[in-house]
Amino acid sequence: MLPIKLLHDRVLVSAESDGERHSSGGILIPATASVGKRLTWATVVATGPNVRHMTTDDRVLYEPEDRAVVELQGSSYVLLRERDVHAVAAEHLDSEETGLYL
């Protein structure tokens, strides 16, 4: 449990590695490769009281340039507003839901 209480519509996420990636064909893409504007996946660690569309442990998609990095207990996290999240991939779905909200 982190010693933090988020306010309003803030979301604290743990960003996935920005290091090397693999293409769908298995080709290794180094972290230094130049790519266009790329969104990043992260896992929600904590939410403020006014966040309506995500809960902890959801995976969210956000733009890495719109972030504020915070260090808590030796780990780095990203602080976002709920409106800065582009999509949520949730584990807890109803039967009519697709699993990805844009």
PDB file of N, CA and C in Angstrom:
ATOM      1  N   MET A   1       0.847  -1.185   0.000  1.00  0.00           N
ATOM      2  CA  MET A   1       0.000   0.000   0.000  1.00  0.00           C
ATOM      3  C   MET A   1       0.888   1.243   0.000  1.00  0.00           C
ATOM      4  N   LEU A   2       0.624   2.142  -0.905  1.00  0.00           N
ATOM      5  CA  LEU A   2       1.419   3.362  -0.997  1.00  0.00           C
ATOM      6  C   LEU A   2       0.897   4.409  -0.024  1.00  0.00           C
ATOM      7  N   PRO A   3       1.800   5.185   0.564  1.00  0.00           N
ATOM      8  CA  PRO A   3       1.389   6.220   1.524  1.00  0.00           C
ATOM      9  C   PRO A   3       0.944   7.498   0.807  1.00  0.00           C
ATOM     10  N   ILE A   4      -0.112   7.383   0.012  1.00  0.00           N
ATOM     11  CA  ILE A   4      -0.565   8.544  -0.760  1.00  0.00           C
ATOM     12  C   ILE A   4      -2.078   8.474  -0.922  1.00  0.00           C
ATOM     13  N   LYS A   5      -2.711   9.631  -0.889  1.00  0.00           N
ATOM     14  CA  LYS A   5      -4.150   9.735  -1.135  1.00  0.00           C
ATOM     15  C   LYS A   5      -4.313  10.693  -2.304  1.00  0.00           C
ATOM     16  N   LEU A   6      -4.801  10.181  -3.414  1.00  0.00           N
ATOM     17  CA  LEU A   6      -4.979  11.003  -4.604  1.00  0.00           C
ATOM     18  C   LEU A   6      -6.255  11.823  -4.491  1.00  0.00           C
ATOM     19  N   LEU A   7      -6.237  12.993  -5.080  1.00  0.00           N
ATOM     20  CA  LEU A   7      -7.384  13.889  -5.048  1.00  0.00           C
ATOM     21  C   LEU A   7      -8.050  13.965  -6.413  1.00  0.00           C
ATOM     22  N   HIS A   8      -9.307  14.327  -6.404  1.00  0.00           N
ATOM     23  CA  HIS A   8     -10.100  14.620  -7.599  1.00  0.00           C
ATOM     24  C   HIS A   8     -10.060  13.480  -8.604  1.00  0.00           C
ATOM     25  N   ASP A   9      -9.664  13.770  -9.848  1.00  0.00           N
ATOM     26  CA  ASP A   9      -9.697  12.766 -10.917  1.00  0.00           C
ATOM     27  C   ASP A   9      -8.301  12.260 -11.259  1.00  0.00           C
ATOM     28  N   ARG A  10      -7.416  12.219 -10.281  1.00  0.00           N
ATOM     29  CA  ARG A  10      -6.039  11.803 -10.535  1.00  0.00           C
ATOM     30  C   ARG A  10      -5.920  10.280 -10.537  1.00  0.00           C
ATOM     31  N   VAL A  11      -4.999   9.793 -11.368  1.00  0.00           N
ATOM     32  CA  VAL A  11      -4.729   8.363 -11.487  1.00  0.00           C
ATOM     33  C   VAL A  11      -3.219   8.175 -11.385  1.00  0.00           C
ATOM     34  N   LEU A  12      -2.779   7.280 -10.519  1.00  0.00           N
ATOM     35  CA  LEU A  12      -1.366   6.955 -10.373  1.00  0.00           C
ATOM     36  C   LEU A  12      -1.140   5.616 -11.043  1.00  0.00           C
ATOM     37  N   VAL A  13      -0.203   5.575 -11.998  1.00  0.00           N
ATOM     38  CA  VAL A  13       0.044   4.345 -12.750  1.00  0.00           C
ATOM     39  C   VAL A  13       1.503   3.951 -12.680  1.00  0.00           C
ATOM     40  N   SER A  14       1.734   2.677 -12.835  1.00  0.00           N
ATOM     41  CA  SER A  14       3.075   2.127 -12.922  1.00  0.00           C
ATOM     42  C   SER A  14       3.324   1.827 -14.386  1.00  0.00           C
ATOM     43  N   ALA A  15       4.209   2.598 -15.014  1.00  0.00           N
ATOM     44  CA  ALA A  15       4.437   2.476 -16.453  1.00  0.00           C
ATOM     45  C   ALA A  15       5.192   1.198 -16.778  1.00  0.00           C
ATOM     46  N   GLU A  16       4.846   0.624 -17.919  1.00  0.00           N
ATOM     47  CA  GLU A  16       5.580  -0.536 -18.400  1.00  0.00           C
ATOM     48  C   GLU A  16       6.895  -0.063 -18.983  1.00  0.00           C
ATOM     49  N   SER A  17       7.816  -0.937 -19.130  1.00  0.00           N
ATOM     50  CA  SER A  17       9.164  -0.605 -19.581  1.00  0.00           C
ATOM     51  C   SER A  17       9.168   0.078 -20.939  1.00  0.00           C
ATOM     52  N   ASP A  18       9.969   1.135 -21.059  1.00  0.00           N
ATOM     53  CA  ASP A  18      10.147   1.820 -22.340  1.00  0.00           C
ATOM     54  C   ASP A  18      11.360   1.270 -23.080  1.00  0.00           C
ATOM     55  N   GLY A  19      11.823   0.112 -22.677  1.00  0.00           N
ATOM     56  CA  GLY A  19      13.031  -0.476 -23.248  1.00  0.00           C
ATOM     57  C   GLY A  19      12.756  -1.148 -24.579  1.00  0.00           C
ATOM     58  N   GLU A  20      13.486  -2.207 -24.811  1.00  0.00           N
ATOM     59  CA  GLU A  20      13.377  -2.926 -26.075  1.00  0.00           C
ATOM     60  C   GLU A  20      12.002  -3.570 -26.217  1.00  0.00           C
ATOM     61  N   ARG A  21      11.532  -3.649 -27.457  1.00  0.00           N
ATOM     62  CA  ARG A  21      10.244  -4.271 -27.762  1.00  0.00           C
ATOM     63  C   ARG A  21      10.459  -5.307 -28.844  1.00  0.00           C
ATOM     64  N   HIS A  22       9.479  -6.165 -29.026  1.00  0.00           N
ATOM     65  CA  HIS A  22       9.493  -7.137 -30.111  1.00  0.00           C
ATOM     66  C   HIS A  22       8.297  -6.861 -31.014  1.00  0.00           C
ATOM     67  N   SER A  23       8.517  -6.930 -32.312  1.00  0.00           N
ATOM     68  CA  SER A  23       7.412  -6.761 -33.257  1.00  0.00           C
ATOM     69  C   SER A  23       6.579  -8.035 -33.251  1.00  0.00           C
ATOM     70  N   SER A  24       5.431  -7.990 -33.924  1.00  0.00           N
ATOM     71  CA  SER A  24       4.576  -9.179 -33.979  1.00  0.00           C
ATOM     72  C   SER A  24       5.264 -10.325 -34.711  1.00  0.00           C
ATOM     73  N   GLY A  25       6.252 -10.013 -35.561  1.00  0.00           N
ATOM     74  CA  GLY A  25       7.013 -11.041 -36.266  1.00  0.00           C
ATOM     75  C   GLY A  25       8.222 -11.526 -35.501  1.00  0.00           C
ATOM     76  N   GLY A  26       8.459 -10.977 -34.292  1.00  0.00           N
ATOM     77  CA  GLY A  26       9.570 -11.419 -33.469  1.00  0.00           C
ATOM     78  C   GLY A  26      10.843 -10.614 -33.625  1.00  0.00           C
ATOM     79  N   ILE A  27      10.813  -9.546 -34.400  1.00  0.00           N
ATOM     80  CA  ILE A  27      11.999  -8.719 -34.604  1.00  0.00           C
ATOM     81  C   ILE A  27      12.208  -7.831 -33.383  1.00  0.00           C
ATOM     82  N   LEU A  28      13.444  -7.780 -32.883  1.00  0.00           N
ATOM     83  CA  LEU A  28      13.784  -6.959 -31.729  1.00  0.00           C
ATOM     84  C   LEU A  28      13.919  -5.501 -32.156  1.00  0.00           C
ATOM     85  N   ILE A  29      13.179  -4.614 -31.487  1.00  0.00           N
ATOM     86  CA  ILE A  29      13.234  -3.178 -31.763  1.00  0.00           C
ATOM     87  C   ILE A  29      13.913  -2.522 -30.570  1.00  0.00           C
ATOM     88  N   PRO A  30      15.117  -1.952 -30.762  1.00  0.00           N
ATOM     89  CA  PRO A  30      15.836  -1.358 -29.619  1.00  0.00           C
ATOM     90  C   PRO A  30      15.140  -0.114 -29.093  1.00  0.00           C
ATOM     91  N   ALA A  31      15.422   0.222 -27.833  1.00  0.00           N
ATOM     92  CA  ALA A  31      14.813   1.384 -27.191  1.00  0.00           C
ATOM     93  C   ALA A  31      15.213   2.682 -27.873  1.00  0.00           C
ATOM     94  N   THR A  32      16.350   2.685 -28.564  1.00  0.00           N
ATOM     95  CA  THR A  32      16.833   3.903 -29.219  1.00  0.00           C
ATOM     96  C   THR A  32      16.244   4.107 -30.606  1.00  0.00           C
ATOM     97  N   ALA A  33      15.437   3.170 -31.096  1.00  0.00           N
ATOM     98  CA  ALA A  33      14.840   3.292 -32.430  1.00  0.00           C
ATOM     99  C   ALA A  33      13.879   4.465 -32.463  1.00  0.00           C
ATOM    100  N   SER A  34      13.945   5.219 -33.540  1.00  0.00           N
ATOM    101  CA  SER A  34      13.079   6.384 -33.691  1.00  0.00           C
ATOM    102  C   SER A  34      11.718   5.931 -34.215  1.00  0.00           C
ATOM    103  N   VAL A  35      10.685   6.232 -33.451  1.00  0.00           N
ATOM    104  CA  VAL A  35       9.319   5.912 -33.858  1.00  0.00           C
ATOM    105  C   VAL A  35       8.480   7.173 -33.740  1.00  0.00           C
ATOM    106  N   GLY A  36       7.349   7.183 -34.402  1.00  0.00           N
ATOM    107  CA  GLY A  36       6.441   8.321 -34.304  1.00  0.00           C
ATOM    108  C   GLY A  36       5.803   8.392 -32.933  1.00  0.00           C
ATOM    109  N   LYS A  37       4.789   9.192 -32.833  1.00  0.00           N
ATOM    110  CA  LYS A  37       4.063   9.335 -31.569  1.00  0.00           C
ATOM    111  C   LYS A  37       3.498   7.990 -31.163  1.00  0.00           C
ATOM    112  N   ARG A  38       3.907   7.500 -30.000  1.00  0.00           N
ATOM    113  CA  ARG A  38       3.526   6.167 -29.556  1.00  0.00           C
ATOM    114  C   ARG A  38       2.912   6.243 -28.166  1.00  0.00           C
ATOM    115  N   LEU A  39       1.757   5.604 -27.988  1.00  0.00           N
ATOM    116  CA  LEU A  39       1.108   5.548 -26.686  1.00  0.00           C
ATOM    117  C   LEU A  39       1.721   4.424 -25.854  1.00  0.00           C
ATOM    118  N   THR A  40       1.568   4.515 -24.531  1.00  0.00           N
ATOM    119  CA  THR A  40       2.184   3.569 -23.610  1.00  0.00           C
ATOM    120  C   THR A  40       1.140   2.929 -22.707  1.00  0.00           C
ATOM    121  N   TRP A  41       1.319   1.646 -22.414  1.00  0.00           N
ATOM    122  CA  TRP A  41       0.451   0.935 -21.471  1.00  0.00           C
ATOM    123  C   TRP A  41       1.027   1.044 -20.073  1.00  0.00           C
ATOM    124  N   ALA A  42       0.150   1.113 -19.082  1.00  0.00           N
ATOM    125  CA  ALA A  42       0.555   1.156 -17.685  1.00  0.00           C
ATOM    126  C   ALA A  42      -0.523   0.473 -16.844  1.00  0.00           C
ATOM    127  N   THR A  43      -0.174   0.161 -15.608  1.00  0.00           N
ATOM    128  CA  THR A  43      -1.107  -0.467 -14.673  1.00  0.00           C
ATOM    129  C   THR A  43      -1.503   0.541 -13.608  1.00  0.00           C
ATOM    130  N   VAL A  44      -2.802   0.661 -13.352  1.00  0.00           N
ATOM    131  CA  VAL A  44      -3.305   1.606 -12.355  1.00  0.00           C
ATOM    132  C   VAL A  44      -2.938   1.109 -10.956  1.00  0.00           C
ATOM    133  N   VAL A  45      -2.295   1.994 -10.182  1.00  0.00           N
ATOM    134  CA  VAL A  45      -1.873   1.666  -8.819  1.00  0.00           C
ATOM    135  C   VAL A  45      -2.834   2.274  -7.804  1.00  0.00           C
ATOM    136  N   ALA A  46      -3.311   3.500  -8.071  1.00  0.00           N
ATOM    137  CA  ALA A  46      -4.234   4.183  -7.160  1.00  0.00           C
ATOM    138  C   ALA A  46      -5.073   5.166  -7.961  1.00  0.00           C
ATOM    139  N   THR A  47      -6.277   5.461  -7.454  1.00  0.00           N
ATOM    140  CA  THR A  47      -7.159   6.428  -8.113  1.00  0.00           C
ATOM    141  C   THR A  47      -7.719   7.398  -7.089  1.00  0.00           C
ATOM    142  N   GLY A  48      -8.053   8.586  -7.570  1.00  0.00           N
ATOM    143  CA  GLY A  48      -8.704   9.580  -6.735  1.00  0.00           C
ATOM    144  C   GLY A  48     -10.187   9.265  -6.587  1.00  0.00           C
ATOM    145  N   PRO A  49     -10.892   9.980  -5.706  1.00  0.00           N
ATOM    146  CA  PRO A  49     -12.303   9.679  -5.437  1.00  0.00           C
ATOM    147  C   PRO A  49     -13.245   9.974  -6.600  1.00  0.00           C
ATOM    148  N   ASN A  50     -12.849  10.818  -7.544  1.00  0.00           N
ATOM    149  CA  ASN A  50     -13.740  11.179  -8.651  1.00  0.00           C
ATOM    150  C   ASN A  50     -13.457  10.406  -9.938  1.00  0.00           C
ATOM    151  N   VAL A  51     -12.596   9.416  -9.894  1.00  0.00           N
ATOM    152  CA  VAL A  51     -12.314   8.597 -11.074  1.00  0.00           C
ATOM    153  C   VAL A  51     -13.442   7.593 -11.231  1.00  0.00           C
ATOM    154  N   ARG A  52     -14.062   7.580 -12.433  1.00  0.00           N
ATOM    155  CA  ARG A  52     -15.249   6.759 -12.637  1.00  0.00           C
ATOM    156  C   ARG A  52     -15.034   5.550 -13.529  1.00  0.00           C
ATOM    157  N   HIS A  53     -14.044   5.581 -14.410  1.00  0.00           N
ATOM    158  CA  HIS A  53     -13.961   4.560 -15.452  1.00  0.00           C
ATOM    159  C   HIS A  53     -12.829   3.561 -15.296  1.00  0.00           C
ATOM    160  N   MET A  54     -12.132   3.568 -14.171  1.00  0.00           N
ATOM    161  CA  MET A  54     -11.058   2.604 -13.969  1.00  0.00           C
ATOM    162  C   MET A  54     -10.846   2.360 -12.487  1.00  0.00           C
ATOM    163  N   THR A  55     -10.275   1.210 -12.188  1.00  0.00           N
ATOM    164  CA  THR A  55      -9.959   0.841 -10.809  1.00  0.00           C
ATOM    165  C   THR A  55      -8.510   0.357 -10.773  1.00  0.00           C
ATOM    166  N   THR A  56      -8.018   0.074  -9.590  1.00  0.00           N
ATOM    167  CA  THR A  56      -6.647  -0.412  -9.473  1.00  0.00           C
ATOM    168  C   THR A  56      -6.498  -1.744 -10.210  1.00  0.00           C
ATOM    169  N   ASP A  57      -5.324  -1.969 -10.734  1.00  0.00           N
ATOM    170  CA  ASP A  57      -4.937  -3.154 -11.511  1.00  0.00           C
ATOM    171  C   ASP A  57      -5.466  -3.151 -12.937  1.00  0.00           C
ATOM    172  N   ASP A  58      -6.217  -2.136 -13.369  1.00  0.00           N
ATOM    173  CA  ASP A  58      -6.598  -2.019 -14.774  1.00  0.00           C
ATOM    174  C   ASP A  58      -5.383  -1.580 -15.583  1.00  0.00           C
ATOM    175  N   ARG A  59      -5.320  -1.997 -16.837  1.00  0.00           N
ATOM    176  CA  ARG A  59      -4.271  -1.516 -17.740  1.00  0.00           C
ATOM    177  C   ARG A  59      -4.848  -0.346 -18.521  1.00  0.00           C
ATOM    178  N   VAL A  60      -4.087   0.746 -18.588  1.00  0.00           N
ATOM    179  CA  VAL A  60      -4.553   1.948 -19.280  1.00  0.00           C
ATOM    180  C   VAL A  60      -3.541   2.360 -20.342  1.00  0.00           C
ATOM    181  N   LEU A  61      -4.042   3.045 -21.346  1.00  0.00           N
ATOM    182  CA  LEU A  61      -3.231   3.532 -22.452  1.00  0.00           C
ATOM    183  C   LEU A  61      -3.175   5.047 -22.365  1.00  0.00           C
ATOM    184  N   TYR A  62      -1.960   5.612 -22.347  1.00  0.00           N
ATOM    185  CA  TYR A  62      -1.811   7.061 -22.229  1.00  0.00           C
ATOM    186  C   TYR A  62      -0.646   7.536 -23.094  1.00  0.00           C
ATOM    187  N   GLU A  63      -0.591   8.833 -23.315  1.00  0.00           N
ATOM    188  CA  GLU A  63       0.499   9.419 -24.087  1.00  0.00           C
ATOM    189  C   GLU A  63       1.639   9.778 -23.138  1.00  0.00           C
ATOM    190  N   PRO A  64       2.826   9.228 -23.337  1.00  0.00           N
ATOM    191  CA  PRO A  64       3.921   9.445 -22.388  1.00  0.00           C
ATOM    192  C   PRO A  64       4.389  10.893 -22.283  1.00  0.00           C
ATOM    193  N   GLU A  65       4.099  11.718 -23.262  1.00  0.00           N
ATOM    194  CA  GLU A  65       4.518  13.117 -23.196  1.00  0.00           C
ATOM    195  C   GLU A  65       3.648  13.945 -22.260  1.00  0.00           C
ATOM    196  N   ASP A  66       2.456  13.445 -21.904  1.00  0.00           N
ATOM    197  CA  ASP A  66       1.533  14.152 -21.007  1.00  0.00           C
ATOM    198  C   ASP A  66       1.653  13.677 -19.572  1.00  0.00           C
ATOM    199  N   ARG A  67       2.828  13.368 -19.116  1.00  0.00           N
ATOM    200  CA  ARG A  67       2.948  12.730 -17.808  1.00  0.00           C
ATOM    201  C   ARG A  67       3.756  13.552 -16.821  1.00  0.00           C
ATOM    202  N   ALA A  68       3.540  13.252 -15.562  1.00  0.00           N
ATOM    203  CA  ALA A  68       4.333  13.798 -14.467  1.00  0.00           C
ATOM    204  C   ALA A  68       4.844  12.595 -13.690  1.00  0.00           C
ATOM    205  N   VAL A  69       6.150  12.439 -13.604  1.00  0.00           N
ATOM    206  CA  VAL A  69       6.751  11.293 -12.926  1.00  0.00           C
ATOM    207  C   VAL A  69       6.928  11.613 -11.446  1.00  0.00           C
ATOM    208  N   VAL A  70       6.528  10.663 -10.588  1.00  0.00           N
ATOM    209  CA  VAL A  70       6.604  10.814  -9.143  1.00  0.00           C
ATOM    210  C   VAL A  70       7.361   9.611  -8.588  1.00  0.00           C
ATOM    211  N   GLU A  71       8.242   9.833  -7.628  1.00  0.00           N
ATOM    212  CA  GLU A  71       8.939   8.724  -6.996  1.00  0.00           C
ATOM    213  C   GLU A  71       8.395   8.536  -5.585  1.00  0.00           C
ATOM    214  N   LEU A  72       7.936   7.306  -5.298  1.00  0.00           N
ATOM    215  CA  LEU A  72       7.397   6.954  -3.985  1.00  0.00           C
ATOM    216  C   LEU A  72       8.040   5.657  -3.521  1.00  0.00           C
ATOM    217  N   GLN A  73       8.617   5.668  -2.359  1.00  0.00           N
ATOM    218  CA  GLN A  73       9.252   4.497  -1.758  1.00  0.00           C
ATOM    219  C   GLN A  73      10.235   3.824  -2.715  1.00  0.00           C
ATOM    220  N   GLY A  74      10.997   4.625  -3.449  1.00  0.00           N
ATOM    221  CA  GLY A  74      12.029   4.104  -4.340  1.00  0.00           C
ATOM    222  C   GLY A  74      11.544   3.628  -5.694  1.00  0.00           C
ATOM    223  N   SER A  75      10.269   3.734  -5.989  1.00  0.00           N
ATOM    224  CA  SER A  75       9.728   3.330  -7.292  1.00  0.00           C
ATOM    225  C   SER A  75       9.162   4.539  -8.013  1.00  0.00           C
ATOM    226  N   SER A  76       9.271   4.546  -9.338  1.00  0.00           N
ATOM    227  CA  SER A  76       8.746   5.651 -10.142  1.00  0.00           C
ATOM    228  C   SER A  76       7.336   5.335 -10.623  1.00  0.00           C
ATOM    229  N   TYR A  77       6.471   6.335 -10.532  1.00  0.00           N
ATOM    230  CA  TYR A  77       5.082   6.219 -10.986  1.00  0.00           C
ATOM    231  C   TYR A  77       4.764   7.426 -11.854  1.00  0.00           C
ATOM    232  N   VAL A  78       3.697   7.314 -12.623  1.00  0.00           N
ATOM    233  CA  VAL A  78       3.240   8.406 -13.473  1.00  0.00           C
ATOM    234  C   VAL A  78       1.901   8.884 -12.937  1.00  0.00           C
ATOM    235  N   LEU A  79       1.759  10.195 -12.785  1.00  0.00           N
ATOM    236  CA  LEU A  79       0.531  10.809 -12.301  1.00  0.00           C
ATOM    237  C   LEU A  79      -0.206  11.416 -13.484  1.00  0.00           C
ATOM    238  N   LEU A  80      -1.454  10.986 -13.684  1.00  0.00           N
ATOM    239  CA  LEU A  80      -2.276  11.450 -14.808  1.00  0.00           C
ATOM    240  C   LEU A  80      -3.616  11.942 -14.298  1.00  0.00           C
ATOM    241  N   ARG A  81      -4.319  12.674 -15.137  1.00  0.00           N
ATOM    242  CA  ARG A  81      -5.733  12.962 -14.914  1.00  0.00           C
ATOM    243  C   ARG A  81      -6.531  11.887 -15.653  1.00  0.00           C
ATOM    244  N   GLU A  82      -7.720  11.622 -15.202  1.00  0.00           N
ATOM    245  CA  GLU A  82      -8.530  10.598 -15.860  1.00  0.00           C
ATOM    246  C   GLU A  82      -8.742  10.927 -17.337  1.00  0.00           C
ATOM    247  N   ARG A  83      -8.886  12.187 -17.672  1.00  0.00           N
ATOM    248  CA  ARG A  83      -9.122  12.569 -19.063  1.00  0.00           C
ATOM    249  C   ARG A  83      -7.897  12.364 -19.960  1.00  0.00           C
ATOM    250  N   ASP A  84      -6.702  12.174 -19.365  1.00  0.00           N
ATOM    251  CA  ASP A  84      -5.488  11.928 -20.146  1.00  0.00           C
ATOM    252  C   ASP A  84      -5.342  10.466 -20.547  1.00  0.00           C
ATOM    253  N   VAL A  85      -6.204   9.601 -20.022  1.00  0.00           N
ATOM    254  CA  VAL A  85      -6.162   8.178 -20.357  1.00  0.00           C
ATOM    255  C   VAL A  85      -6.992   7.966 -21.616  1.00  0.00           C
ATOM    256  N   HIS A  86      -6.390   7.309 -22.615  1.00  0.00           N
ATOM    257  CA  HIS A  86      -7.063   7.104 -23.896  1.00  0.00           C
ATOM    258  C   HIS A  86      -7.919   5.845 -23.942  1.00  0.00           C
ATOM    259  N   ALA A  87      -7.523   4.809 -23.199  1.00  0.00           N
ATOM    260  CA  ALA A  87      -8.277   3.552 -23.219  1.00  0.00           C
ATOM    261  C   ALA A  87      -7.996   2.772 -21.947  1.00  0.00           C
ATOM    262  N   VAL A  88      -8.940   1.888 -21.586  1.00  0.00           N
ATOM    263  CA  VAL A  88      -8.800   1.024 -20.424  1.00  0.00           C
ATOM    264  C   VAL A  88      -9.044  -0.407 -20.875  1.00  0.00           C
ATOM    265  N   ALA A  89      -8.114  -1.284 -20.558  1.00  0.00           N
ATOM    266  CA  ALA A  89      -8.286  -2.719 -20.810  1.00  0.00           C
ATOM    267  C   ALA A  89      -8.506  -3.349 -19.450  1.00  0.00           C
ATOM    268  N   ALA A  90      -9.737  -3.723 -19.150  1.00  0.00           N
ATOM    269  CA  ALA A  90     -10.078  -4.188 -17.805  1.00  0.00           C
ATOM    270  C   ALA A  90     -10.281  -5.695 -17.780  1.00  0.00           C
ATOM    271  N   GLU A  91      -9.980  -6.293 -16.652  1.00  0.00           N
ATOM    272  CA  GLU A  91     -10.200  -7.720 -16.431  1.00  0.00           C
ATOM    273  C   GLU A  91     -11.649  -7.994 -16.061  1.00  0.00           C
ATOM    274  N   HIS A  92     -12.324  -7.059 -15.423  1.00  0.00           N
ATOM    275  CA  HIS A  92     -13.672  -7.252 -14.899  1.00  0.00           C
ATOM    276  C   HIS A  92     -14.712  -6.741 -15.901  1.00  0.00           C
ATOM    277  N   LEU A  93     -15.156  -7.618 -16.792  1.00  0.00           N
ATOM    278  CA  LEU A  93     -16.075  -7.222 -17.853  1.00  0.00           C
ATOM    279  C   LEU A  93     -17.423  -7.900 -17.694  1.00  0.00           C
ATOM    280  N   ASP A  94     -18.461  -7.180 -18.084  1.00  0.00           N
ATOM    281  CA  ASP A  94     -19.776  -7.794 -18.192  1.00  0.00           C
ATOM    282  C   ASP A  94     -19.823  -8.553 -19.510  1.00  0.00           C
ATOM    283  N   SER A  95     -20.802  -9.384 -19.702  1.00  0.00           N
ATOM    284  CA  SER A  95     -20.866 -10.207 -20.915  1.00  0.00           C
ATOM    285  C   SER A  95     -21.081  -9.376 -22.183  1.00  0.00           C
ATOM    286  N   GLU A  96     -21.663  -8.172 -22.081  1.00  0.00           N
ATOM    287  CA  GLU A  96     -21.911  -7.352 -23.258  1.00  0.00           C
ATOM    288  C   GLU A  96     -20.738  -6.436 -23.610  1.00  0.00           C
ATOM    289  N   GLU A  97     -19.726  -6.350 -22.760  1.00  0.00           N
ATOM    290  CA  GLU A  97     -18.635  -5.419 -22.982  1.00  0.00           C
ATOM    291  C   GLU A  97     -17.515  -6.056 -23.791  1.00  0.00           C
ATOM    292  N   THR A  98     -16.783  -5.237 -24.539  1.00  0.00           N
ATOM    293  CA  THR A  98     -15.726  -5.737 -25.416  1.00  0.00           C
ATOM    294  C   THR A  98     -14.380  -5.850 -24.731  1.00  0.00           C
ATOM    295  N   GLY A  99     -14.123  -5.083 -23.674  1.00  0.00           N
ATOM    296  CA  GLY A  99     -12.852  -5.153 -22.976  1.00  0.00           C
ATOM    297  C   GLY A  99     -11.946  -3.992 -23.253  1.00  0.00           C
ATOM    298  N   LEU A 100     -12.288  -3.141 -24.220  1.00  0.00           N
ATOM    299  CA  LEU A 100     -11.467  -1.993 -24.539  1.00  0.00           C
ATOM    300  C   LEU A 100     -12.382  -0.802 -24.732  1.00  0.00           C
ATOM    301  N   TYR A 101     -12.160   0.247 -23.961  1.00  0.00           N
ATOM    302  CA  TYR A 101     -13.010   1.433 -24.018  1.00  0.00           C
ATOM    303  C   TYR A 101     -12.213   2.570 -24.606  1.00  0.00           C
ATOM    304  N   LEU A 102     -12.665   3.131 -25.686  1.00  0.00           N
ATOM    305  CA  LEU A 102     -11.971   4.247 -26.335  1.00  0.00           C
ATOM    306  C   LEU A 102     -12.754   5.517 -26.157  1.00  0.00           C
TER     307      LEU A 102
END
